[in-house]
Amino acid sequence: MDGTILYILIAAVAALFGLGMVFLMQGLTDGDKRKLSQRLGSDDRVDGNTATRRSIVIHQMESAGLPPALAKIQLLQSLHGRVIQAFPELPLARFLLIVSGLAFVSFLISWVIADSLVAGLIAGTIAGYLPFFAMNSKRSKRQRQLADQIPDALDFLSRILRAGHSLTTGLQMMGEELRQPMAAEFRRCYDQHSLGQPLEDCLKDMATRVETTDFAFFVTAVLIQRQTGGDLSEVLNNISGMIRQRIRLQQHVKAKTAEGRFTGYILVAFPAIMFLIAWTMNPGYAGVLLHTSKGMMLLCTAFGLQMLGLWAIRKLTTVKV
């Protein structure tokens, strides 16, 4: 196998491994998720609610065909939540089967074609990561859609309550009248409540699936109103107005930081474009970086520094609202 291609594949695997570790650390140290869990339960019941939801997740994973020993692993439980947020109808066991199948088939094909065990392992690793990349992309897109639909959903529920309907009827109507994917979440919440699950638990489960701060405000308001009473429709209107103001502020901040983000993309792409130009004009001069071990080490180091710089620029231009 050509040494240049092997070095490129090794660099790709290293980049994917680093990206996977970043996602893992973000999932384990997600402060927003921890605050969301604390918001949905009082201080003296947080541990009990967490244990109850954990037992429910384990039961769901076991019902989907995952062995009980694997269902108790914290990492797989976190992965189960992310898969449900991206593909609500896809069980974790089937997702893991897809990952394993793609990795194994790619490993065999690359091993046979390239006649190299290393090439097969690298190809299997890259192919096994593709479902995770698709899952993260789909999850991010679906979460953005849910966040954009929250204000309209709250306004719709407020009008239903003002018309004299109950909260349960409002959840049913929201599941029938709203756009997807928000309608599916409320429909699932209503179905769970119809089968006997307490409404508070249904709302908390839905907040865990949606996993946004704005939706947590709505669930918290409903839980407080059911304990203390009050005009829920007016509260929903206030929350909807606050969310719309936050969205406008986020868009304003995004527009203000567009120049910095665009500059970061240019700085990352510029060295690669210059290298391609140098390769086209003088292959022997630029080929030193590809055909020598020191050159490949320098390229890998430069790639890592470029990614580090891009991460730093994204951190500087990302303002939480």
C-alpha atoms as a PDB file:
ATOM      1  CA  MET A   1       0.000   0.000   0.000  1.00  0.00           C
ATOM      2  CA  ASP A   2       1.258   3.497  -0.841  1.00  0.00           C
ATOM      3  CA  GLY A   3       2.840   5.047   2.239  1.00  0.00           C
ATOM      4  CA  THR A   4       1.274   8.436   1.522  1.00  0.00           C
ATOM      5  CA  ILE A   5      -2.241   7.017   1.544  1.00  0.00           C
ATOM      6  CA  LEU A   6      -1.470   5.084   4.720  1.00  0.00           C
ATOM      7  CA  TYR A   7      -0.295   8.239   6.484  1.00  0.00           C
ATOM      8  CA  ILE A   8      -3.404  10.100   5.353  1.00  0.00           C
ATOM      9  CA  LEU A   9      -5.667   7.316   6.642  1.00  0.00           C
ATOM     10  CA  ILE A  10      -3.838   7.217   9.969  1.00  0.00           C
ATOM     11  CA  ALA A  11      -4.242  10.983  10.303  1.00  0.00           C
ATOM     12  CA  ALA A  12      -7.957  10.654   9.518  1.00  0.00           C
ATOM     13  CA  VAL A  13      -8.379   7.964  12.181  1.00  0.00           C
ATOM     14  CA  ALA A  14      -6.513  10.102  14.705  1.00  0.00           C
ATOM     15  CA  ALA A  15      -8.751  13.077  13.895  1.00  0.00           C
ATOM     16  CA  LEU A  16     -11.888  10.965  14.247  1.00  0.00           C
ATOM     17  CA  PHE A  17     -10.634   9.558  17.552  1.00  0.00           C
ATOM     18  CA  GLY A  18      -9.957  13.041  18.857  1.00  0.00           C
ATOM     19  CA  LEU A  19     -13.381  14.239  17.714  1.00  0.00           C
ATOM     20  CA  GLY A  20     -15.021  11.271  19.388  1.00  0.00           C
ATOM     21  CA  MET A  21     -13.206  11.989  22.647  1.00  0.00           C
ATOM     22  CA  VAL A  22     -14.380  15.605  22.481  1.00  0.00           C
ATOM     23  CA  PHE A  23     -18.001  14.492  22.050  1.00  0.00           C
ATOM     24  CA  LEU A  24     -17.581  12.015  24.905  1.00  0.00           C
ATOM     25  CA  MET A  25     -16.182  14.613  27.280  1.00  0.00           C
ATOM     26  CA  GLN A  26     -18.923  17.062  26.328  1.00  0.00           C
ATOM     27  CA  GLY A  27     -21.539  14.441  27.098  1.00  0.00           C
ATOM     28  CA  LEU A  28     -19.997  13.548  30.452  1.00  0.00           C
ATOM     29  CA  THR A  29     -19.398  17.151  31.562  1.00  0.00           C
ATOM     30  CA  ASP A  30     -22.478  18.820  30.100  1.00  0.00           C
ATOM     31  CA  GLY A  31     -23.340  21.457  32.659  1.00  0.00           C
ATOM     32  CA  ASP A  32     -26.531  22.480  30.875  1.00  0.00           C
ATOM     33  CA  LYS A  33     -27.870  18.935  31.013  1.00  0.00           C
ATOM     34  CA  ARG A  34     -27.075  18.718  34.719  1.00  0.00           C
ATOM     35  CA  LYS A  35     -28.825  22.023  35.380  1.00  0.00           C
ATOM     36  CA  LEU A  36     -31.789  20.814  33.345  1.00  0.00           C
ATOM     37  CA  SER A  37     -32.103  17.702  35.493  1.00  0.00           C
ATOM     38  CA  GLN A  38     -31.939  19.785  38.665  1.00  0.00           C
ATOM     39  CA  ARG A  39     -34.516  22.234  37.333  1.00  0.00           C
ATOM     40  CA  LEU A  40     -37.034  19.467  36.683  1.00  0.00           C
ATOM     41  CA  GLY A  41     -36.967  18.190  40.268  1.00  0.00           C
ATOM     42  CA  SER A  42     -36.836  19.705  43.707  1.00  0.00           C
ATOM     43  CA  ASP A  43     -33.579  19.461  45.630  1.00  0.00           C
ATOM     44  CA  ASP A  44     -34.756  16.638  47.851  1.00  0.00           C
ATOM     45  CA  ARG A  45     -35.986  14.545  44.947  1.00  0.00           C
ATOM     46  CA  VAL A  46     -33.264  15.011  42.338  1.00  0.00           C
ATOM     47  CA  ASP A  47     -31.470  11.775  43.197  1.00  0.00           C
ATOM     48  CA  GLY A  48     -34.715   9.807  43.254  1.00  0.00           C
ATOM     49  CA  ASN A  49     -35.894  11.252  39.950  1.00  0.00           C
ATOM     50  CA  THR A  50     -32.525  10.554  38.363  1.00  0.00           C
ATOM     51  CA  ALA A  51     -32.562   6.951  39.574  1.00  0.00           C
ATOM     52  CA  THR A  52     -36.126   6.479  38.351  1.00  0.00           C
ATOM     53  CA  ARG A  53     -35.352   7.858  34.897  1.00  0.00           C
ATOM     54  CA  ARG A  54     -32.211   5.728  34.760  1.00  0.00           C
ATOM     55  CA  SER A  55     -34.234   2.595  35.522  1.00  0.00           C
ATOM     56  CA  ILE A  56     -36.729   3.561  32.813  1.00  0.00           C
ATOM     57  CA  VAL A  57     -33.904   4.025  30.299  1.00  0.00           C
ATOM     58  CA  ILE A  58     -32.427   0.628  31.223  1.00  0.00           C
ATOM     59  CA  HIS A  59     -35.842  -1.008  30.766  1.00  0.00           C
ATOM     60  CA  GLN A  60     -36.252   0.653  27.354  1.00  0.00           C
ATOM     61  CA  MET A  61     -32.812  -0.530  26.249  1.00  0.00           C
ATOM     62  CA  GLU A  62     -33.503  -4.074  27.409  1.00  0.00           C
ATOM     63  CA  SER A  63     -36.901  -4.064  25.656  1.00  0.00           C
ATOM     64  CA  ALA A  64     -35.152  -3.023  22.430  1.00  0.00           C
ATOM     65  CA  GLY A  65     -32.983  -6.161  22.519  1.00  0.00           C
ATOM     66  CA  LEU A  66     -29.863  -4.945  24.330  1.00  0.00           C
ATOM     67  CA  PRO A  67     -28.416  -7.392  26.913  1.00  0.00           C
ATOM     68  CA  PRO A  68     -29.009  -6.330  30.544  1.00  0.00           C
ATOM     69  CA  ALA A  69     -25.265  -6.168  31.268  1.00  0.00           C
ATOM     70  CA  LEU A  70     -24.750  -3.643  28.449  1.00  0.00           C
ATOM     71  CA  ALA A  71     -27.886  -1.682  29.338  1.00  0.00           C
ATOM     72  CA  LYS A  72     -26.377  -0.766  32.721  1.00  0.00           C
ATOM     73  CA  ILE A  73     -23.311   0.908  31.187  1.00  0.00           C
ATOM     74  CA  GLN A  74     -23.491   4.684  31.642  1.00  0.00           C
ATOM     75  CA  LEU A  75     -21.868   5.416  28.280  1.00  0.00           C
ATOM     76  CA  LEU A  76     -24.425   3.311  26.390  1.00  0.00           C
ATOM     77  CA  GLN A  77     -27.249   4.994  28.305  1.00  0.00           C
ATOM     78  CA  SER A  78     -25.974   8.376  27.183  1.00  0.00           C
ATOM     79  CA  LEU A  79     -25.659   7.070  23.622  1.00  0.00           C
ATOM     80  CA  HIS A  80     -29.221   5.740  23.849  1.00  0.00           C
ATOM     81  CA  GLY A  81     -30.481   9.241  24.670  1.00  0.00           C
ATOM     82  CA  ARG A  82     -28.641  10.789  21.734  1.00  0.00           C
ATOM     83  CA  VAL A  83     -29.911   8.131  19.322  1.00  0.00           C
ATOM     84  CA  ILE A  84     -33.506   8.680  20.480  1.00  0.00           C
ATOM     85  CA  GLN A  85     -33.108  12.423  19.991  1.00  0.00           C
ATOM     86  CA  ALA A  86     -31.875  11.885  16.423  1.00  0.00           C
ATOM     87  CA  PHE A  87     -33.973   8.874  15.360  1.00  0.00           C
ATOM     88  CA  PRO A  88     -36.919   8.398  17.760  1.00  0.00           C
ATOM     89  CA  GLU A  89     -37.933   5.076  16.183  1.00  0.00           C
ATOM     90  CA  LEU A  90     -34.435   3.550  16.021  1.00  0.00           C
ATOM     91  CA  PRO A  91     -33.470   1.273  18.961  1.00  0.00           C
ATOM     92  CA  LEU A  92     -29.933   1.454  20.271  1.00  0.00           C
ATOM     93  CA  ALA A  93     -29.345  -2.245  19.567  1.00  0.00           C
ATOM     94  CA  ARG A  94     -30.141  -1.753  15.877  1.00  0.00           C
ATOM     95  CA  PHE A  95     -27.920   1.343  15.726  1.00  0.00           C
ATOM     96  CA  LEU A  96     -25.013  -0.597  17.205  1.00  0.00           C
ATOM     97  CA  LEU A  97     -25.696  -3.404  14.727  1.00  0.00           C
ATOM     98  CA  ILE A  98     -25.474  -0.920  11.849  1.00  0.00           C
ATOM     99  CA  VAL A  99     -22.184   0.436  13.212  1.00  0.00           C
ATOM    100  CA  SER A 100     -20.722  -3.039  13.614  1.00  0.00           C
ATOM    101  CA  GLY A 101     -21.917  -4.168  10.177  1.00  0.00           C
ATOM    102  CA  LEU A 102     -20.459  -1.171   8.366  1.00  0.00           C
ATOM    103  CA  ALA A 103     -17.153  -1.466  10.206  1.00  0.00           C
ATOM    104  CA  PHE A 104     -16.859  -5.215   9.561  1.00  0.00           C
ATOM    105  CA  VAL A 105     -17.780  -5.048   5.857  1.00  0.00           C
ATOM    106  CA  SER A 106     -15.414  -2.113   5.247  1.00  0.00           C
ATOM    107  CA  PHE A 107     -12.656  -3.954   7.101  1.00  0.00           C
ATOM    108  CA  LEU A 108     -13.045  -7.064   4.914  1.00  0.00           C
ATOM    109  CA  ILE A 109     -13.265  -5.162   1.632  1.00  0.00           C
ATOM    110  CA  SER A 110     -10.249  -2.972   2.383  1.00  0.00           C
ATOM    111  CA  TRP A 111      -8.225  -5.934   3.631  1.00  0.00           C
ATOM    112  CA  VAL A 112      -8.927  -7.904   0.457  1.00  0.00           C
ATOM    113  CA  ILE A 113      -8.359  -5.014  -1.960  1.00  0.00           C
ATOM    114  CA  ALA A 114      -5.302  -3.450  -0.305  1.00  0.00           C
ATOM    115  CA  ASP A 115      -3.911  -6.730   1.077  1.00  0.00           C
ATOM    116  CA  SER A 116      -3.076  -4.913   4.300  1.00  0.00           C
ATOM    117  CA  LEU A 117      -4.443  -5.533   7.784  1.00  0.00           C
ATOM    118  CA  VAL A 118      -3.651  -1.950   8.818  1.00  0.00           C
ATOM    119  CA  ALA A 119      -5.639  -0.574   5.883  1.00  0.00           C
ATOM    120  CA  GLY A 120      -8.567  -2.800   6.822  1.00  0.00           C
ATOM    121  CA  LEU A 121      -8.533  -1.623  10.437  1.00  0.00           C
ATOM    122  CA  ILE A 122      -8.341   2.008   9.388  1.00  0.00           C
ATOM    123  CA  ALA A 123     -11.166   1.642   6.858  1.00  0.00           C
ATOM    124  CA  GLY A 124     -13.299  -0.192   9.424  1.00  0.00           C
ATOM    125  CA  THR A 125     -12.736   2.556  11.976  1.00  0.00           C
ATOM    126  CA  ILE A 126     -13.717   5.292   9.521  1.00  0.00           C
ATOM    127  CA  ALA A 127     -16.803   3.387   8.331  1.00  0.00           C
ATOM    128  CA  GLY A 128     -17.853   2.670  11.916  1.00  0.00           C
ATOM    129  CA  TYR A 129     -17.746   6.369  12.705  1.00  0.00           C
ATOM    130  CA  LEU A 130     -20.047   7.346   9.823  1.00  0.00           C
ATOM    131  CA  PRO A 131     -23.294   6.372  11.653  1.00  0.00           C
ATOM    132  CA  PHE A 132     -22.210   8.477  14.640  1.00  0.00           C
ATOM    133  CA  PHE A 133     -21.548  11.426  12.331  1.00  0.00           C
ATOM    134  CA  ALA A 134     -24.998  10.997  10.736  1.00  0.00           C
ATOM    135  CA  MET A 135     -26.581  10.695  14.184  1.00  0.00           C
ATOM    136  CA  ASN A 136     -24.944  13.885  15.478  1.00  0.00           C
ATOM    137  CA  SER A 137     -25.913  15.790  12.340  1.00  0.00           C
ATOM    138  CA  LYS A 138     -29.515  14.588  12.476  1.00  0.00           C
ATOM    139  CA  ARG A 139     -29.739  15.252  16.208  1.00  0.00           C
ATOM    140  CA  SER A 140     -28.453  18.813  15.863  1.00  0.00           C
ATOM    141  CA  LYS A 141     -30.886  19.537  13.030  1.00  0.00           C
ATOM    142  CA  ARG A 142     -33.844  18.076  14.931  1.00  0.00           C
ATOM    143  CA  GLN A 143     -32.962  19.951  18.123  1.00  0.00           C
ATOM    144  CA  ARG A 144     -32.806  23.233  16.165  1.00  0.00           C
ATOM    145  CA  GLN A 145     -36.217  22.536  14.652  1.00  0.00           C
ATOM    146  CA  LEU A 146     -37.679  21.819  18.080  1.00  0.00           C
ATOM    147  CA  ALA A 147     -36.171  24.993  19.535  1.00  0.00           C
ATOM    148  CA  ASP A 148     -37.620  27.102  16.711  1.00  0.00           C
ATOM    149  CA  GLN A 149     -41.099  25.602  17.177  1.00  0.00           C
ATOM    150  CA  ILE A 150     -41.321  26.114  20.946  1.00  0.00           C
ATOM    151  CA  PRO A 151     -42.751  29.706  20.889  1.00  0.00           C
ATOM    152  CA  ASP A 152     -45.529  28.801  18.449  1.00  0.00           C
ATOM    153  CA  ALA A 153     -46.316  25.650  20.442  1.00  0.00           C
ATOM    154  CA  LEU A 154     -46.647  27.618  23.673  1.00  0.00           C
ATOM    155  CA  ASP A 155     -48.894  30.204  22.028  1.00  0.00           C
ATOM    156  CA  PHE A 156     -51.064  27.406  20.650  1.00  0.00           C
ATOM    157  CA  LEU A 157     -51.375  25.756  24.071  1.00  0.00           C
ATOM    158  CA  SER A 158     -52.168  29.109  25.688  1.00  0.00           C
ATOM    159  CA  ARG A 159     -55.065  29.676  23.280  1.00  0.00           C
ATOM    160  CA  ILE A 160     -56.359  26.162  23.972  1.00  0.00           C
ATOM    161  CA  LEU A 161     -56.356  26.793  27.728  1.00  0.00           C
ATOM    162  CA  ARG A 162     -58.090  30.157  27.303  1.00  0.00           C
ATOM    163  CA  ALA A 163     -60.792  28.414  25.275  1.00  0.00           C
ATOM    164  CA  GLY A 164     -61.615  26.346  28.369  1.00  0.00           C
ATOM    165  CA  HIS A 165     -59.944  23.018  27.493  1.00  0.00           C
ATOM    166  CA  SER A 166     -57.868  21.043  29.960  1.00  0.00           C
ATOM    167  CA  LEU A 167     -54.097  20.642  29.783  1.00  0.00           C
ATOM    168  CA  THR A 168     -54.445  16.994  28.758  1.00  0.00           C
ATOM    169  CA  THR A 169     -56.748  17.949  25.884  1.00  0.00           C
ATOM    170  CA  GLY A 170     -54.274  20.649  24.918  1.00  0.00           C
ATOM    171  CA  LEU A 171     -51.462  18.097  24.704  1.00  0.00           C
ATOM    172  CA  GLN A 172     -53.636  15.909  22.479  1.00  0.00           C
ATOM    173  CA  MET A 173     -54.488  18.804  20.160  1.00  0.00           C
ATOM    174  CA  MET A 174     -50.856  19.862  19.992  1.00  0.00           C
ATOM    175  CA  GLY A 175     -49.913  16.339  18.922  1.00  0.00           C
ATOM    176  CA  GLU A 176     -52.465  16.562  16.115  1.00  0.00           C
ATOM    177  CA  GLU A 177     -52.122  20.167  14.929  1.00  0.00           C
ATOM    178  CA  LEU A 178     -48.476  21.176  15.340  1.00  0.00           C
ATOM    179  CA  ARG A 179     -45.750  20.602  12.806  1.00  0.00           C
ATOM    180  CA  GLN A 180     -43.205  17.829  13.077  1.00  0.00           C
ATOM    181  CA  PRO A 181     -41.067  17.043  14.996  1.00  0.00           C
ATOM    182  CA  MET A 182     -42.763  18.927  17.872  1.00  0.00           C
ATOM    183  CA  ALA A 183     -46.105  17.223  17.206  1.00  0.00           C
ATOM    184  CA  ALA A 184     -44.550  13.778  17.639  1.00  0.00           C
ATOM    185  CA  GLU A 185     -43.135  14.697  21.055  1.00  0.00           C
ATOM    186  CA  PHE A 186     -46.463  15.969  22.380  1.00  0.00           C
ATOM    187  CA  ARG A 187     -48.275  13.012  20.857  1.00  0.00           C
ATOM    188  CA  ARG A 188     -45.915  10.644  22.624  1.00  0.00           C
ATOM    189  CA  CYS A 189     -46.411  12.546  25.894  1.00  0.00           C
ATOM    190  CA  TYR A 190     -50.199  12.297  25.558  1.00  0.00           C
ATOM    191  CA  ASP A 191     -50.047   8.589  24.722  1.00  0.00           C
ATOM    192  CA  GLN A 192     -47.882   7.905  27.778  1.00  0.00           C
ATOM    193  CA  HIS A 193     -50.348   9.785  29.998  1.00  0.00           C
ATOM    194  CA  SER A 194     -53.293   7.931  28.431  1.00  0.00           C
ATOM    195  CA  LEU A 195     -51.662   4.618  29.346  1.00  0.00           C
ATOM    196  CA  GLY A 196     -51.512   5.585  33.011  1.00  0.00           C
ATOM    197  CA  GLN A 197     -48.176   7.367  33.485  1.00  0.00           C
ATOM    198  CA  PRO A 198     -48.436  10.526  35.649  1.00  0.00           C
ATOM    199  CA  LEU A 199     -48.504  13.720  33.623  1.00  0.00           C
ATOM    200  CA  GLU A 200     -45.550  15.151  35.558  1.00  0.00           C
ATOM    201  CA  ASP A 201     -43.383  12.186  34.594  1.00  0.00           C
ATOM    202  CA  CYS A 202     -44.529  12.415  30.974  1.00  0.00           C
ATOM    203  CA  LEU A 203     -43.533  16.080  30.792  1.00  0.00           C
ATOM    204  CA  LYS A 204     -40.157  15.374  32.409  1.00  0.00           C
ATOM    205  CA  ASP A 205     -39.474  12.578  29.924  1.00  0.00           C
ATOM    206  CA  MET A 206     -40.375  14.899  27.069  1.00  0.00           C
ATOM    207  CA  ALA A 207     -38.073  17.604  28.449  1.00  0.00           C
ATOM    208  CA  THR A 208     -35.261  15.029  28.578  1.00  0.00           C
ATOM    209  CA  ARG A 209     -35.849  14.117  24.937  1.00  0.00           C
ATOM    210  CA  VAL A 210     -36.065  17.725  23.738  1.00  0.00           C
ATOM    211  CA  GLU A 211     -33.236  18.837  26.065  1.00  0.00           C
ATOM    212  CA  THR A 212     -33.352  22.595  25.620  1.00  0.00           C
ATOM    213  CA  THR A 213     -33.411  25.271  28.290  1.00  0.00           C
ATOM    214  CA  ASP A 214     -36.428  26.982  26.748  1.00  0.00           C
ATOM    215  CA  PHE A 215     -38.489  23.813  26.864  1.00  0.00           C
ATOM    216  CA  ALA A 216     -37.374  23.241  30.456  1.00  0.00           C
ATOM    217  CA  PHE A 217     -38.914  26.630  31.314  1.00  0.00           C
ATOM    218  CA  PHE A 218     -42.245  25.419  29.936  1.00  0.00           C
ATOM    219  CA  VAL A 219     -42.148  22.122  31.828  1.00  0.00           C
ATOM    220  CA  THR A 220     -41.112  23.845  35.066  1.00  0.00           C
ATOM    221  CA  ALA A 221     -43.974  26.340  34.721  1.00  0.00           C
ATOM    222  CA  VAL A 222     -46.488  23.538  34.213  1.00  0.00           C
ATOM    223  CA  LEU A 223     -45.175  21.564  37.200  1.00  0.00           C
ATOM    224  CA  ILE A 224     -45.319  24.620  39.484  1.00  0.00           C
ATOM    225  CA  GLN A 225     -48.786  25.575  38.271  1.00  0.00           C
ATOM    226  CA  ARG A 226     -50.127  22.099  38.997  1.00  0.00           C
ATOM    227  CA  GLN A 227     -48.856  22.394  42.575  1.00  0.00           C
ATOM    228  CA  THR A 228     -49.691  26.005  43.378  1.00  0.00           C
ATOM    229  CA  GLY A 229     -52.354  26.970  40.837  1.00  0.00           C
ATOM    230  CA  GLY A 230     -52.531  30.145  38.779  1.00  0.00           C
ATOM    231  CA  ASP A 231     -53.202  31.316  35.244  1.00  0.00           C
ATOM    232  CA  LEU A 232     -51.106  28.941  33.142  1.00  0.00           C
ATOM    233  CA  SER A 233     -52.083  30.556  29.838  1.00  0.00           C
ATOM    234  CA  GLU A 234     -50.632  33.908  30.917  1.00  0.00           C
ATOM    235  CA  VAL A 235     -47.455  32.211  32.117  1.00  0.00           C
ATOM    236  CA  LEU A 236     -47.095  30.466  28.761  1.00  0.00           C
ATOM    237  CA  ASN A 237     -47.504  33.771  26.945  1.00  0.00           C
ATOM    238  CA  ASN A 238     -44.740  35.318  29.064  1.00  0.00           C
ATOM    239  CA  ILE A 239     -42.427  32.365  28.428  1.00  0.00           C
ATOM    240  CA  SER A 240     -43.160  32.505  24.694  1.00  0.00           C
ATOM    241  CA  GLY A 241     -42.319  36.209  24.581  1.00  0.00           C
ATOM    242  CA  MET A 242     -39.100  35.641  26.516  1.00  0.00           C
ATOM    243  CA  ILE A 243     -38.051  32.825  24.144  1.00  0.00           C
ATOM    244  CA  ARG A 244     -38.717  34.988  21.083  1.00  0.00           C
ATOM    245  CA  GLN A 245     -36.574  37.758  22.556  1.00  0.00           C
ATOM    246  CA  ARG A 246     -33.785  35.264  23.210  1.00  0.00           C
ATOM    247  CA  ILE A 247     -33.998  33.994  19.631  1.00  0.00           C
ATOM    248  CA  ARG A 248     -33.768  37.543  18.263  1.00  0.00           C
ATOM    249  CA  LEU A 249     -30.787  38.216  20.532  1.00  0.00           C
ATOM    250  CA  GLN A 250     -29.107  34.990  19.388  1.00  0.00           C
ATOM    251  CA  GLN A 251     -29.582  35.956  15.758  1.00  0.00           C
ATOM    252  CA  HIS A 252     -28.174  39.426  16.472  1.00  0.00           C
ATOM    253  CA  VAL A 253     -25.112  37.929  18.178  1.00  0.00           C
ATOM    254  CA  LYS A 254     -24.667  35.465  15.307  1.00  0.00           C
ATOM    255  CA  ALA A 255     -24.688  38.329  12.819  1.00  0.00           C
ATOM    256  CA  LYS A 256     -22.175  40.320  14.880  1.00  0.00           C
ATOM    257  CA  THR A 257     -19.769  37.371  15.129  1.00  0.00           C
ATOM    258  CA  ALA A 258     -20.117  36.318  11.480  1.00  0.00           C
ATOM    259  CA  GLU A 259     -16.926  38.164  10.494  1.00  0.00           C
ATOM    260  CA  GLY A 260     -14.844  36.373  13.123  1.00  0.00           C
ATOM    261  CA  ARG A 261     -16.218  32.953  12.202  1.00  0.00           C
ATOM    262  CA  PHE A 262     -15.673  33.585   8.500  1.00  0.00           C
ATOM    263  CA  THR A 263     -12.112  34.705   9.226  1.00  0.00           C
ATOM    264  CA  GLY A 264     -11.488  31.456  11.071  1.00  0.00           C
ATOM    265  CA  TYR A 265     -12.720  29.389   8.137  1.00  0.00           C
ATOM    266  CA  ILE A 266     -10.467  31.316   5.757  1.00  0.00           C
ATOM    267  CA  LEU A 267      -7.423  30.895   8.000  1.00  0.00           C
ATOM    268  CA  VAL A 268      -8.046  27.143   8.174  1.00  0.00           C
ATOM    269  CA  ALA A 269      -8.584  26.719   4.431  1.00  0.00           C
ATOM    270  CA  PHE A 270      -5.773  29.022   3.290  1.00  0.00           C
ATOM    271  CA  PRO A 271      -2.796  26.693   4.067  1.00  0.00           C
ATOM    272  CA  ALA A 272      -4.453  23.740   2.334  1.00  0.00           C
ATOM    273  CA  ILE A 273      -5.200  25.821  -0.765  1.00  0.00           C
ATOM    274  CA  MET A 274      -1.631  27.153  -0.874  1.00  0.00           C
ATOM    275  CA  PHE A 275      -0.274  23.606  -0.535  1.00  0.00           C
ATOM    276  CA  LEU A 276      -2.402  22.440  -3.478  1.00  0.00           C
ATOM    277  CA  ILE A 277      -1.194  25.391  -5.562  1.00  0.00           C
ATOM    278  CA  ALA A 278       2.436  24.607  -4.680  1.00  0.00           C
ATOM    279  CA  TRP A 279       1.861  20.927  -5.511  1.00  0.00           C
ATOM    280  CA  THR A 280       0.421  21.855  -8.915  1.00  0.00           C
ATOM    281  CA  MET A 281       3.237  24.274  -9.783  1.00  0.00           C
ATOM    282  CA  ASN A 282       6.149  22.267  -8.352  1.00  0.00           C
ATOM    283  CA  PRO A 283       5.312  18.676  -7.328  1.00  0.00           C
ATOM    284  CA  GLY A 284       8.899  17.902  -6.357  1.00  0.00           C
ATOM    285  CA  TYR A 285       9.100  20.813  -3.930  1.00  0.00           C
ATOM    286  CA  ALA A 286       5.744  20.179  -2.209  1.00  0.00           C
ATOM    287  CA  GLY A 287       6.151  16.404  -2.372  1.00  0.00           C
ATOM    288  CA  VAL A 288       8.844  16.514   0.315  1.00  0.00           C
ATOM    289  CA  LEU A 289       6.073  16.854   2.884  1.00  0.00           C
ATOM    290  CA  LEU A 290       4.274  13.766   1.547  1.00  0.00           C
ATOM    291  CA  HIS A 291       7.116  11.389   0.759  1.00  0.00           C
ATOM    292  CA  THR A 292       9.228  11.762   3.900  1.00  0.00           C
ATOM    293  CA  SER A 293       8.485  10.772   7.457  1.00  0.00           C
ATOM    294  CA  LYS A 294       9.449  14.191   8.821  1.00  0.00           C
ATOM    295  CA  GLY A 295       7.236  15.853   6.247  1.00  0.00           C
ATOM    296  CA  MET A 296       4.257  13.727   7.278  1.00  0.00           C
ATOM    297  CA  MET A 297       4.914  14.534  10.930  1.00  0.00           C
ATOM    298  CA  LEU A 298       4.970  18.233  10.081  1.00  0.00           C
ATOM    299  CA  LEU A 299       1.710  17.910   8.134  1.00  0.00           C
ATOM    300  CA  CYS A 300       0.012  16.083  10.993  1.00  0.00           C
ATOM    301  CA  THR A 301       1.272  18.686  13.463  1.00  0.00           C
ATOM    302  CA  ALA A 302       0.071  21.505  11.231  1.00  0.00           C
ATOM    303  CA  PHE A 303      -3.332  19.852  10.880  1.00  0.00           C
ATOM    304  CA  GLY A 304      -3.648  19.497  14.650  1.00  0.00           C
ATOM    305  CA  LEU A 305      -2.667  23.135  15.203  1.00  0.00           C
ATOM    306  CA  GLN A 306      -5.159  24.242  12.555  1.00  0.00           C
ATOM    307  CA  MET A 307      -7.961  22.361  14.303  1.00  0.00           C
ATOM    308  CA  LEU A 308      -6.876  23.819  17.636  1.00  0.00           C
ATOM    309  CA  GLY A 309      -6.944  27.315  16.166  1.00  0.00           C
ATOM    310  CA  LEU A 310     -10.389  26.725  14.659  1.00  0.00           C
ATOM    311  CA  TRP A 311     -11.650  25.500  18.027  1.00  0.00           C
ATOM    312  CA  ALA A 312     -10.234  28.606  19.740  1.00  0.00           C
ATOM    313  CA  ILE A 313     -11.884  30.927  17.208  1.00  0.00           C
ATOM    314  CA  ARG A 314     -15.221  29.157  17.623  1.00  0.00           C
ATOM    315  CA  LYS A 315     -14.938  29.523  21.377  1.00  0.00           C
ATOM    316  CA  LEU A 316     -14.207  33.243  21.071  1.00  0.00           C
ATOM    317  CA  THR A 317     -17.079  33.865  18.657  1.00  0.00           C
ATOM    318  CA  THR A 318     -19.661  31.752  20.509  1.00  0.00           C
ATOM    319  CA  VAL A 319     -21.718  33.785  22.945  1.00  0.00           C
ATOM    320  CA  LYS A 320     -24.296  31.983  25.081  1.00  0.00           C
ATOM    321  CA  VAL A 321     -27.575  33.849  25.401  1.00  0.00           C
END
